[in-house]
Structure formats: structure tokens, C-alpha cells
Amino acid sequence: MLSREVSRQLYGHLKDIRTQIIKDLMEKPNSVKEDVHISKIIGIMSKENSHEVFVQMADKSIICVNTRDTLVAKDISMMKSSHIGKRIPTLTENDSIGDAARIMSLHRLRSLPIVSSNTHEIVGQLSSKKILQHILTTFVGKKINFDKKLIASDLMTPELITLEPKDKVATARNIMVKDMIDHLPIIEHRQEGKDMVIGIITSIDVMQTLIPSDRIARDAIISDHEKHRLELDVIGISEKNLITIDPDETMISVIDLMLKSNSTYVLVKSLDSILGIITFRDIITLLGEQVETEIPAYIIGLPEDPFESELVKSKFTNTIKLMHKISPDIVEARCKIKIKDVTGERKRYEISASIISPYKRYSYTSTNEYDIAKIFDEMSDSLKNQISRRKSTDKQKDSVRYSPKE
């Protein structure tokens, strides 16, 4: 578990990266300049192995279609990208990596379009993979080494949503769309009582089932007359060669493994048990904005609206102060904010928080709410109850352990 000092040192090193402009990290964009059919979007994604395609509309506005968006398309040969795509913020060459990380996290994207300040046309893109490469190059070049102080178990997302081998592709699609996630491990229950991870299915795997072809994914032959593609067992189109890492491996080892294996994830594994998953997003969250509190505290995905942004900072700061008062051994706090959907001018948010002590991680994830203030009030109550229950349990144990003999 991170100490307060290590957390502050890490933020100091990453702050230099956060403030750098993105011009030198710009890549060729995956984009089209007209409202095309979804089938063409899927074709670009498959060819470029990309998670997003940007569409420049006639009025110069830009919409984004990602792999999860394609999963809800009913007729990919007829439906246009504007029917499922969403307008997203854009970057210019002079924006910072920190700005990009905030928008990526808030909108759950792996890349963002870079536009010309003069013509407002797409001139490039910045990907989370490119940011990871930059972090790795910077840390190795400057010989920044946290040894075993920042390890895979500190970075991972625990409590995974999983599937069983006989679950259908339709089930995977529904979970990915509903929970806005891209990776679902497949668990097999063995006779000896152990759960083994035997595969993983991604949103790209599911997207491939929508391509009108005789062969999809792992060369499985599909007949529309025999079985609808979405009724396939997930194990049939899953990836079997899993990318795994030990929980005590360093952050640099995690990034290096993801880049060398060209993987968007790594499973954290101890013996035969999967403890959690690390994706690009989990690394990007390290570039969150620090808030002023007694302990290291970070927010990733601050809302673009200035009022909502300040409200988040104020509410999270007050929550941390309360938690620290109840439990002084807390060493770090993190908050992630993501947009679930947009209705008119209103945004529905998912907000999660982790309060980390030397021996326990307290977590909260909101239900889908529009009211940010209400979410943070519920967060405060939930975390306070978790810490209070833990302290009460510890007192009971101490009472039994040290009770005098009669």
C-alpha cells in the first residue's frame, strides 16, 4: 500500500508530465470527414485496432463513435454514425496532458481528437497508449524508481464483473453497454472449488460479431440460419492467451507489459486467483488533479462546468477531512468521475471513490444520478459507515484478545 510520502513523490513526478503540452505526442487520427454508415466505422476500428473513430460533421463539430457504441447498432449497413455517436470535447496542440487525461476519464475514452485552432478541423489525435509510452519513457529516462512502493495491487480495479463460459455474447454486450466497460474475464468453476479464469472477452470481440461475414473473431463459422451471432457462447470468441502479472510487480513493469504485449489490459494474478484488472484508464487516473488536504487526495475527470468542478472539489475535500478525523491512519484518497449518459443539457454521472489505509481500502460507487451534491453526501455516509464498522469490529477483537482471565 502506498505511503503518504510515496504518493506525494509520485504526484510530483507525474505533475511534470501533466503540465506538458500534447503537441509532441500527436498521432495520425482515426477519423472520417462525413457522416458514414456504422459498417464503415467498424471497418476502420478493425483495421486500425482502435477503440474510437472521430467523425467531422459539416458544421465542423466532432462526434465520437467507440466500440461500445457500435454494440447497440441494429443495422450497421444502414445506420449512420450520427445516430449513435456523441459530441465530445476536443484538444488543441497547446493543451496539456493533464487536460487530456481529465477528459478521457470523464468521457471514458482512450483517445481524443486534436483540432486546428484556425480551421477547427481534425489534425491529429492523442491516445492513452501514447500517454503510457510517455510515462514509461520519462520514468526510465530520468531513472525514477519507486521499487516495490507502487505495485500492481495499488493500481488495479478489484471486484471484477465476470462471465461463465456458457454465457451468451448478448449477455456480454448488455453488461458492456450498461456498465460502460470493455473487458469481461470468463470464470470456470472447477470441481475442487476453485474458480479459474480461462478467457477474457472485450468490446472489440463483441463488435466483431456484428460484421456481416461468414467468419468472425477466432475463425468461428457462423450461420444466421443456425444461430444468431449474439447467441454464441462467450468462450467461443474470447481471448485465451491471457496477459497477467503478479500483484507485487511495479507500475513500470505493468506499463511495459501492456505496451510490449499490445494489450489494453493486464489481469493481476496470485497463484490461480485473479485479484483485479488494470486497464489504460487505471494508469491515466494517476494523472488526476490533487486537492488540498492533509493527506494526498486526487480527482480524475473533473466536470467541464466550472460550478460543478468547484462543487466536486469542495465536497470531496470535506469528505476526506471527515474520514481522516474518524480514521487518522488514512494515507490516500482518490475520486473518479465519469459521464454515464447525457439527456439534453443534463449529465448523469457515475462517481467512485477509494479511501486507502495501510490495511484496508474503503470504496464507494454511486448509482446513476444527476445531482452531484447528493452523490457526495451519499458517498460521505457510506464511507463513514464502512470505517465505523471496521473500527467497531477491531475494538471487539481487542476486547476479546485482552480480556482478563476469570
Protein backbone atom coordinates (compact mmCIF):
# COMPACT_ATOMS: atom_id res chain seq x y z
CA MET A 1 0.00 0.00 0.00
CA LEU A 2 1.26 3.49 -0.84
CA SER A 3 2.57 5.63 1.99
CA ARG A 4 1.71 9.32 2.06
CA GLU A 5 5.29 10.23 1.19
CA VAL A 6 5.43 7.89 -1.83
CA SER A 7 2.07 9.20 -3.03
CA ARG A 8 3.29 12.80 -2.86
CA GLN A 9 6.57 11.90 -4.62
CA LEU A 10 4.66 10.14 -7.39
CA TYR A 11 2.37 13.13 -7.86
CA GLY A 12 5.40 15.40 -8.06
CA HIS A 13 6.93 13.35 -10.87
CA LEU A 14 3.63 13.00 -12.70
CA LYS A 15 2.91 16.71 -12.32
CA ASP A 16 5.75 17.40 -14.76
CA ILE A 17 4.02 15.09 -17.23
CA ARG A 18 0.56 16.55 -16.57
CA THR A 19 1.68 20.06 -17.48
CA GLN A 20 3.42 19.13 -20.74
CA ILE A 21 1.68 20.14 -23.95
CA ILE A 22 0.45 17.37 -26.21
CA LYS A 23 1.96 18.60 -29.49
CA ASP A 24 4.87 16.14 -29.44
CA LEU A 25 2.56 13.20 -28.68
CA MET A 26 0.16 13.82 -31.56
CA GLU A 27 -0.67 10.81 -33.76
CA LYS A 28 -2.45 10.27 -37.06
CA PRO A 29 -6.20 10.44 -36.31
CA ASN A 30 -8.69 7.65 -36.88
CA SER A 31 -11.31 9.89 -38.43
CA VAL A 32 -13.70 10.43 -41.32
CA LYS A 33 -14.97 13.72 -42.73
CA GLU A 34 -18.59 12.83 -43.25
CA ASP A 35 -21.49 11.06 -41.56
CA VAL A 36 -20.82 7.49 -42.71
CA HIS A 37 -22.52 4.16 -42.03
CA ILE A 38 -21.61 2.23 -38.88
CA SER A 39 -20.26 -0.61 -41.01
CA LYS A 40 -17.51 1.71 -42.27
CA ILE A 41 -16.74 2.85 -38.72
CA ILE A 42 -16.39 -0.79 -37.63
CA GLY A 43 -14.14 -1.44 -40.61
CA ILE A 44 -11.80 1.38 -39.56
CA MET A 45 -11.76 0.16 -35.96
CA SER A 46 -10.92 -3.38 -37.06
CA LYS A 47 -8.19 -2.27 -39.47
CA GLU A 48 -6.55 0.21 -37.09
CA ASN A 49 -7.26 -1.77 -33.90
CA SER A 50 -8.77 1.40 -32.47
CA HIS A 51 -11.38 1.97 -29.80
CA GLU A 52 -12.72 5.24 -31.25
CA VAL A 53 -13.33 6.85 -34.62
CA PHE A 54 -13.94 10.60 -34.87
CA VAL A 55 -16.45 12.00 -37.36
CA GLN A 56 -16.08 15.60 -38.56
CA MET A 57 -19.57 16.87 -39.34
CA ALA A 58 -20.45 19.51 -41.93
CA ASP A 59 -20.75 22.21 -39.25
CA LYS A 60 -17.19 21.39 -38.04
CA SER A 61 -18.49 19.75 -34.87
CA ILE A 62 -16.97 16.39 -33.97
CA ILE A 63 -18.72 13.28 -32.77
CA CYS A 64 -17.06 10.16 -31.46
CA VAL A 65 -18.12 6.56 -32.01
CA ASN A 66 -16.45 3.98 -29.77
CA THR A 67 -16.66 0.20 -29.76
CA ARG A 68 -19.35 0.14 -27.07
CA ASP A 69 -21.48 2.50 -29.16
CA THR A 70 -21.41 0.07 -32.09
CA LEU A 71 -22.83 -2.69 -29.89
CA VAL A 72 -26.26 -1.03 -29.85
CA ALA A 73 -26.48 -0.55 -33.64
CA LYS A 74 -29.34 -2.62 -35.08
CA ASP A 75 -28.42 -2.34 -38.76
CA ILE A 76 -24.79 -1.39 -39.28
CA SER A 77 -25.14 -1.22 -43.07
CA MET A 78 -27.91 1.40 -42.89
CA MET A 79 -27.46 3.29 -39.61
CA LYS A 80 -25.29 6.42 -39.75
CA SER A 81 -22.60 7.32 -37.23
CA SER A 82 -24.56 10.40 -36.09
CA HIS A 83 -27.31 8.13 -34.74
CA ILE A 84 -25.10 6.59 -32.06
CA GLY A 85 -22.08 8.91 -31.84
CA LYS A 86 -21.69 11.55 -29.14
CA ARG A 87 -20.27 15.04 -29.29
CA ILE A 88 -17.10 15.25 -27.25
CA PRO A 89 -14.63 17.95 -26.19
CA THR A 90 -11.59 18.39 -28.42
CA LEU A 91 -7.95 19.27 -27.85
CA THR A 92 -5.56 21.68 -29.50
CA GLU A 93 -1.81 21.22 -29.83
CA ASN A 94 -1.23 23.56 -26.87
CA ASP A 95 -3.44 21.72 -24.39
CA SER A 96 -1.75 19.75 -21.62
CA ILE A 97 -1.57 16.02 -20.99
CA GLY A 98 -3.43 16.67 -17.74
CA ASP A 99 -6.33 18.25 -19.67
CA ALA A 100 -6.45 15.22 -21.96
CA ALA A 101 -6.37 12.76 -19.04
CA ARG A 102 -9.28 14.55 -17.35
CA ILE A 103 -11.45 14.44 -20.49
CA MET A 104 -10.53 10.82 -21.28
CA SER A 105 -11.56 9.71 -17.81
CA LEU A 106 -14.74 11.81 -17.70
CA HIS A 107 -15.98 10.52 -21.07
CA ARG A 108 -14.46 7.01 -20.80
CA LEU A 109 -12.39 7.35 -23.96
CA ARG A 110 -8.97 6.02 -24.93
CA SER A 111 -8.20 8.79 -27.40
CA LEU A 112 -9.23 12.36 -28.19
CA PRO A 113 -9.20 14.39 -31.41
CA ILE A 114 -6.78 17.29 -31.80
CA VAL A 115 -8.13 20.15 -33.92
CA SER A 116 -6.58 23.16 -35.60
CA SER A 117 -7.18 26.39 -33.70
CA ASN A 118 -7.79 28.16 -37.02
CA THR A 119 -9.82 25.76 -39.16
CA HIS A 120 -11.30 23.61 -36.35
CA GLU A 121 -10.59 20.55 -38.48
CA ILE A 122 -9.11 17.35 -37.06
CA VAL A 123 -5.32 17.35 -37.46
CA GLY A 124 -4.39 14.51 -35.12
CA GLN A 125 -5.27 12.58 -32.01
CA LEU A 126 -3.84 11.78 -28.59
CA SER A 127 -4.27 8.25 -27.25
CA SER A 128 -3.99 6.90 -23.73
CA LYS A 129 -1.48 4.38 -25.10
CA LYS A 130 0.74 7.26 -26.23
CA ILE A 131 0.49 8.78 -22.75
CA LEU A 132 1.54 5.46 -21.19
CA GLN A 133 4.52 5.31 -23.55
CA HIS A 134 5.46 8.84 -22.49
CA ILE A 135 5.20 7.98 -18.77
CA LEU A 136 7.41 4.91 -19.29
CA THR A 137 9.99 6.82 -21.34
CA THR A 138 10.08 9.67 -18.81
CA PHE A 139 10.47 7.45 -15.76
CA VAL A 140 13.12 5.26 -17.39
CA GLY A 141 14.97 8.25 -18.85
CA LYS A 142 15.06 10.11 -15.53
CA LYS A 143 15.74 6.86 -13.65
CA ILE A 144 12.69 7.41 -11.46
CA ASN A 145 12.24 4.22 -9.48
CA PHE A 146 9.71 3.52 -6.77
CA ASP A 147 10.94 -0.08 -6.41
CA LYS A 148 8.12 -2.02 -4.75
CA LYS A 149 6.43 1.05 -3.25
CA LEU A 150 3.93 1.41 -6.10
CA ILE A 151 2.80 -2.01 -7.26
CA ALA A 152 0.14 -3.64 -9.41
CA SER A 153 -2.22 -4.24 -6.50
CA ASP A 154 -2.24 -0.46 -5.85
CA LEU A 155 -3.27 0.24 -9.45
CA MET A 156 -5.81 -2.49 -10.12
CA THR A 157 -9.59 -2.33 -10.12
CA PRO A 158 -10.78 -5.13 -7.81
CA GLU A 159 -14.23 -6.75 -7.62
CA LEU A 160 -14.47 -7.70 -11.28
CA ILE A 161 -17.64 -8.34 -13.22
CA THR A 162 -17.18 -11.79 -14.76
CA LEU A 163 -18.90 -14.24 -17.08
CA GLU A 164 -19.18 -18.01 -17.25
CA PRO A 165 -18.16 -19.96 -20.39
CA LYS A 166 -21.75 -20.74 -21.42
CA ASP A 167 -22.97 -17.16 -21.07
CA LYS A 168 -24.05 -15.68 -24.37
CA VAL A 169 -22.40 -12.89 -26.34
CA ALA A 170 -25.66 -10.95 -25.92
CA THR A 171 -25.12 -11.03 -22.14
CA ALA A 172 -21.60 -9.66 -22.53
CA ARG A 173 -22.86 -6.92 -24.84
CA ASN A 174 -25.59 -5.87 -22.41
CA ILE A 175 -23.15 -5.67 -19.49
CA MET A 176 -20.62 -3.66 -21.50
CA VAL A 177 -23.25 -1.16 -22.66
CA LYS A 178 -24.92 -0.85 -19.25
CA ASP A 179 -21.74 -0.60 -17.16
CA MET A 180 -19.61 1.09 -19.85
CA ILE A 181 -16.77 -1.41 -19.55
CA ASP A 182 -14.69 -3.13 -22.23
CA HIS A 183 -13.23 -6.23 -20.55
CA LEU A 184 -15.04 -9.21 -19.02
CA PRO A 185 -12.99 -12.16 -17.67
CA ILE A 186 -14.54 -15.62 -18.09
CA ILE A 187 -14.52 -17.80 -14.98
CA GLU A 188 -14.79 -21.59 -14.91
CA HIS A 189 -15.87 -23.24 -11.66
CA ARG A 190 -13.70 -26.32 -11.08
CA GLN A 191 -14.74 -29.40 -9.10
CA GLU A 192 -12.15 -28.75 -6.40
CA GLY A 193 -13.95 -25.50 -5.61
CA LYS A 194 -11.51 -23.22 -7.39
CA ASP A 195 -12.52 -20.54 -9.88
CA MET A 196 -10.18 -20.41 -12.87
CA VAL A 197 -10.00 -17.58 -15.40
CA ILE A 198 -9.95 -19.30 -18.79
CA GLY A 199 -10.50 -16.34 -21.11
CA ILE A 200 -11.48 -12.72 -21.49
CA ILE A 201 -13.92 -11.08 -23.88
CA THR A 202 -13.55 -7.46 -24.95
CA SER A 203 -15.86 -4.95 -26.58
CA ILE A 204 -13.87 -5.41 -29.80
CA ASP A 205 -14.58 -9.15 -29.70
CA VAL A 206 -18.30 -8.44 -29.35
CA MET A 207 -18.16 -5.80 -32.08
CA GLN A 208 -16.72 -8.39 -34.45
CA THR A 209 -19.95 -10.38 -34.15
CA LEU A 210 -21.77 -7.51 -35.86
CA ILE A 211 -19.66 -7.72 -39.01
CA PRO A 212 -21.65 -9.41 -41.79
CA SER A 213 -19.20 -12.15 -42.64
CA ASP A 214 -19.04 -15.93 -42.69
CA ARG A 215 -16.15 -15.80 -40.26
CA ILE A 216 -15.70 -13.70 -37.16
CA ALA A 217 -13.21 -13.36 -34.35
CA ARG A 218 -11.44 -16.68 -33.88
CA ASP A 219 -12.49 -18.14 -37.27
CA ALA A 220 -15.72 -19.48 -35.83
CA ILE A 221 -18.08 -20.21 -38.73
CA ILE A 222 -21.48 -18.61 -38.14
CA SER A 223 -24.69 -19.35 -39.94
CA ASP A 224 -27.54 -16.89 -39.47
CA HIS A 225 -29.92 -19.79 -40.17
CA GLU A 226 -28.47 -21.94 -37.38
CA LYS A 227 -27.79 -19.47 -34.62
CA HIS A 228 -27.80 -15.72 -34.25
CA ARG A 229 -24.32 -14.37 -33.64
CA LEU A 230 -25.28 -12.89 -30.29
CA GLU A 231 -26.42 -16.31 -29.08
CA LEU A 232 -22.89 -17.72 -29.29
CA ASP A 233 -21.19 -18.83 -26.07
CA VAL A 234 -18.70 -16.17 -24.96
CA ILE A 235 -15.91 -18.70 -24.62
CA GLY A 236 -16.06 -19.27 -28.38
CA ILE A 237 -14.92 -15.75 -29.28
CA SER A 238 -12.84 -15.00 -26.18
CA GLU A 239 -9.11 -14.42 -25.93
CA LYS A 240 -7.41 -17.43 -24.33
CA ASN A 241 -3.83 -16.15 -24.08
CA LEU A 242 -4.32 -14.00 -21.00
CA ILE A 243 -1.98 -11.16 -20.07
CA THR A 244 -1.28 -11.50 -16.34
CA ILE A 245 1.07 -10.02 -13.77
CA ASP A 246 1.88 -10.65 -10.11
CA PRO A 247 0.35 -8.23 -7.58
CA ASP A 248 3.75 -7.05 -6.30
CA GLU A 249 5.16 -6.04 -9.71
CA THR A 250 5.95 -2.35 -10.13
CA MET A 251 3.98 0.27 -12.05
CA ILE A 252 6.75 0.43 -14.65
CA SER A 253 6.54 -3.35 -15.13
CA VAL A 254 2.78 -3.09 -15.63
CA ILE A 255 3.07 -0.37 -18.29
CA ASP A 256 5.96 -2.16 -20.00
CA LEU A 257 3.99 -5.42 -20.17
CA MET A 258 0.87 -3.74 -21.59
CA LEU A 259 2.87 -1.97 -24.29
CA LYS A 260 5.05 -4.93 -25.27
CA SER A 261 2.06 -7.28 -25.47
CA ASN A 262 -0.02 -4.61 -27.26
CA SER A 263 -2.76 -5.24 -24.72
CA THR A 264 -5.40 -2.89 -23.35
CA TYR A 265 -5.50 -4.77 -20.04
CA VAL A 266 -3.48 -6.88 -17.63
CA LEU A 267 -5.02 -9.22 -15.07
CA VAL A 268 -3.46 -9.16 -11.60
CA LYS A 269 -3.00 -12.78 -10.60
CA SER A 270 -1.85 -14.50 -7.42
CA LEU A 271 -1.40 -18.26 -7.82
CA ASP A 272 -4.65 -19.31 -9.54
CA SER A 273 -6.73 -16.38 -8.27
CA ILE A 274 -7.47 -13.19 -10.21
CA LEU A 275 -7.35 -10.24 -7.83
CA GLY A 276 -8.23 -7.45 -10.26
CA ILE A 277 -7.64 -5.84 -13.63
CA ILE A 278 -5.53 -2.90 -14.80
CA THR A 279 -6.51 -1.04 -17.96
CA PHE A 280 -5.23 2.12 -19.63
CA ARG A 281 -7.80 4.05 -17.61
CA ASP A 282 -6.32 2.89 -14.29
CA ILE A 283 -2.92 4.29 -15.28
CA ILE A 284 -4.41 7.52 -16.63
CA THR A 285 -6.11 8.15 -13.27
CA LEU A 286 -2.66 8.68 -11.76
CA LEU A 287 -2.63 11.98 -13.65
CA GLY A 288 -5.58 13.28 -11.63
CA GLU A 289 -5.69 16.74 -10.09
CA GLN A 290 -4.55 16.99 -6.49
CA VAL A 291 -6.79 18.74 -3.97
CA GLU A 292 -5.53 20.50 -0.86
CA THR A 293 -5.99 18.21 2.14
CA GLU A 294 -3.86 16.84 4.96
CA ILE A 295 -3.44 13.57 3.08
CA PRO A 296 -2.71 13.01 -0.64
CA ALA A 297 -6.04 13.26 -2.48
CA TYR A 298 -6.69 13.19 -6.22
CA ILE A 299 -9.64 13.70 -8.56
CA ILE A 300 -9.70 12.42 -12.12
CA GLY A 301 -12.41 13.50 -14.54
CA LEU A 302 -13.43 16.87 -13.11
CA PRO A 303 -16.59 18.16 -14.84
CA GLU A 304 -16.11 20.81 -17.51
CA ASP A 305 -18.67 23.12 -15.91
CA PRO A 306 -16.74 25.44 -13.50
CA PHE A 307 -19.52 25.40 -10.89
CA GLU A 308 -19.74 21.60 -10.88
CA SER A 309 -15.94 21.33 -10.82
CA GLU A 310 -15.66 23.52 -7.72
CA LEU A 311 -18.57 21.67 -6.11
CA VAL A 312 -16.77 18.35 -6.61
CA LYS A 313 -13.54 19.70 -5.10
CA SER A 314 -15.35 21.16 -2.10
CA LYS A 315 -17.48 18.09 -1.42
CA PHE A 316 -14.60 15.62 -1.81
CA THR A 317 -12.32 17.73 0.39
CA ASN A 318 -14.96 17.81 3.14
CA THR A 319 -15.48 14.05 2.83
CA ILE A 320 -11.74 13.41 3.19
CA LYS A 321 -11.48 15.67 6.24
CA LEU A 322 -14.33 13.77 7.91
CA MET A 323 -12.82 10.37 7.08
CA HIS A 324 -9.40 11.48 8.32
CA LYS A 325 -10.94 12.67 11.58
CA ILE A 326 -12.60 9.28 12.10
CA SER A 327 -9.56 7.28 10.98
CA PRO A 328 -6.22 9.19 11.16
CA ASP A 329 -4.29 6.30 9.56
CA ILE A 330 -5.73 7.03 6.07
CA VAL A 331 -2.85 7.51 3.62
CA GLU A 332 -4.55 8.43 0.32
CA ALA A 333 -7.91 9.22 -1.29
CA ARG A 334 -8.94 9.05 -4.95
CA CYS A 335 -12.11 10.05 -6.76
CA LYS A 336 -13.08 9.12 -10.35
CA ILE A 337 -15.88 10.88 -12.21
CA LYS A 338 -17.40 9.52 -15.41
CA ILE A 339 -20.35 10.58 -17.53
CA LYS A 340 -22.88 7.75 -17.90
CA ASP A 341 -25.20 9.49 -20.35
CA VAL A 342 -26.46 12.89 -21.43
CA THR A 343 -30.10 13.98 -21.68
CA GLY A 344 -30.37 17.42 -23.24
CA GLU A 345 -28.24 19.70 -21.07
CA ARG A 346 -28.24 17.29 -18.14
CA LYS A 347 -25.46 14.79 -17.48
CA ARG A 348 -25.82 11.61 -15.46
CA TYR A 349 -22.63 10.83 -13.54
CA GLU A 350 -21.02 7.76 -12.04
CA ILE A 351 -18.69 8.76 -9.23
CA SER A 352 -16.44 6.33 -7.40
CA ALA A 353 -14.06 6.90 -4.51
CA SER A 354 -11.36 4.94 -2.71
CA ILE A 355 -10.11 5.79 0.76
CA ILE A 356 -6.90 3.88 1.43
CA SER A 357 -5.44 2.97 4.81
CA PRO A 358 -2.39 0.74 5.45
CA TYR A 359 -4.54 -2.38 5.79
CA LYS A 360 -7.88 -1.62 4.16
CA ARG A 361 -9.36 0.03 1.07
CA TYR A 362 -12.80 1.61 1.54
CA SER A 363 -14.74 2.03 -1.69
CA TYR A 364 -17.89 3.71 -2.91
CA THR A 365 -19.57 3.80 -6.33
CA SER A 366 -22.63 5.92 -6.96
CA THR A 367 -25.84 4.85 -8.57
CA ASN A 368 -26.66 6.81 -11.71
CA GLU A 369 -27.51 10.30 -10.52
CA TYR A 370 -27.75 13.79 -11.98
CA ASP A 371 -27.31 15.53 -8.61
CA ILE A 372 -23.58 15.74 -7.80
CA ALA A 373 -24.19 17.15 -4.32
CA LYS A 374 -26.47 14.23 -3.47
CA ILE A 375 -23.90 11.72 -4.73
CA PHE A 376 -21.17 13.15 -2.49
CA ASP A 377 -23.50 13.23 0.53
CA GLU A 378 -24.24 9.53 -0.05
CA MET A 379 -20.53 8.86 -0.55
CA SER A 380 -19.68 10.51 2.76
CA ASP A 381 -22.32 8.48 4.63
CA SER A 382 -21.25 5.21 3.01
CA LEU A 383 -17.53 5.65 3.68
CA LYS A 384 -18.18 6.85 7.23
CA ASN A 385 -20.28 3.74 7.92
CA GLN A 386 -17.62 1.44 6.44
CA ILE A 387 -14.85 2.94 8.57
CA SER A 388 -17.02 2.99 11.69
CA ARG A 389 -17.93 -0.69 11.25
CA ARG A 390 -14.26 -1.58 10.81
CA LYS A 391 -13.25 0.33 13.94
CA SER A 392 -16.11 -1.28 15.90
CA THR A 393 -15.02 -4.75 14.77
CA ASP A 394 -11.40 -4.02 15.71
CA LYS A 395 -12.48 -2.88 19.19
CA GLN A 396 -14.46 -6.07 19.70
CA LYS A 397 -11.44 -8.16 18.68
CA ASP A 398 -9.19 -6.20 21.04
CA SER A 399 -11.71 -6.62 23.84
CA VAL A 400 -11.71 -10.40 23.40
CA ARG A 401 -7.96 -10.58 22.88
CA TYR A 402 -7.05 -8.62 26.01
CA SER A 403 -9.91 -9.51 28.34
CA PRO A 404 -8.61 -10.58 31.76
CA LYS A 405 -8.93 -14.23 32.70
CA GLU A 406 -11.61 -15.02 35.25
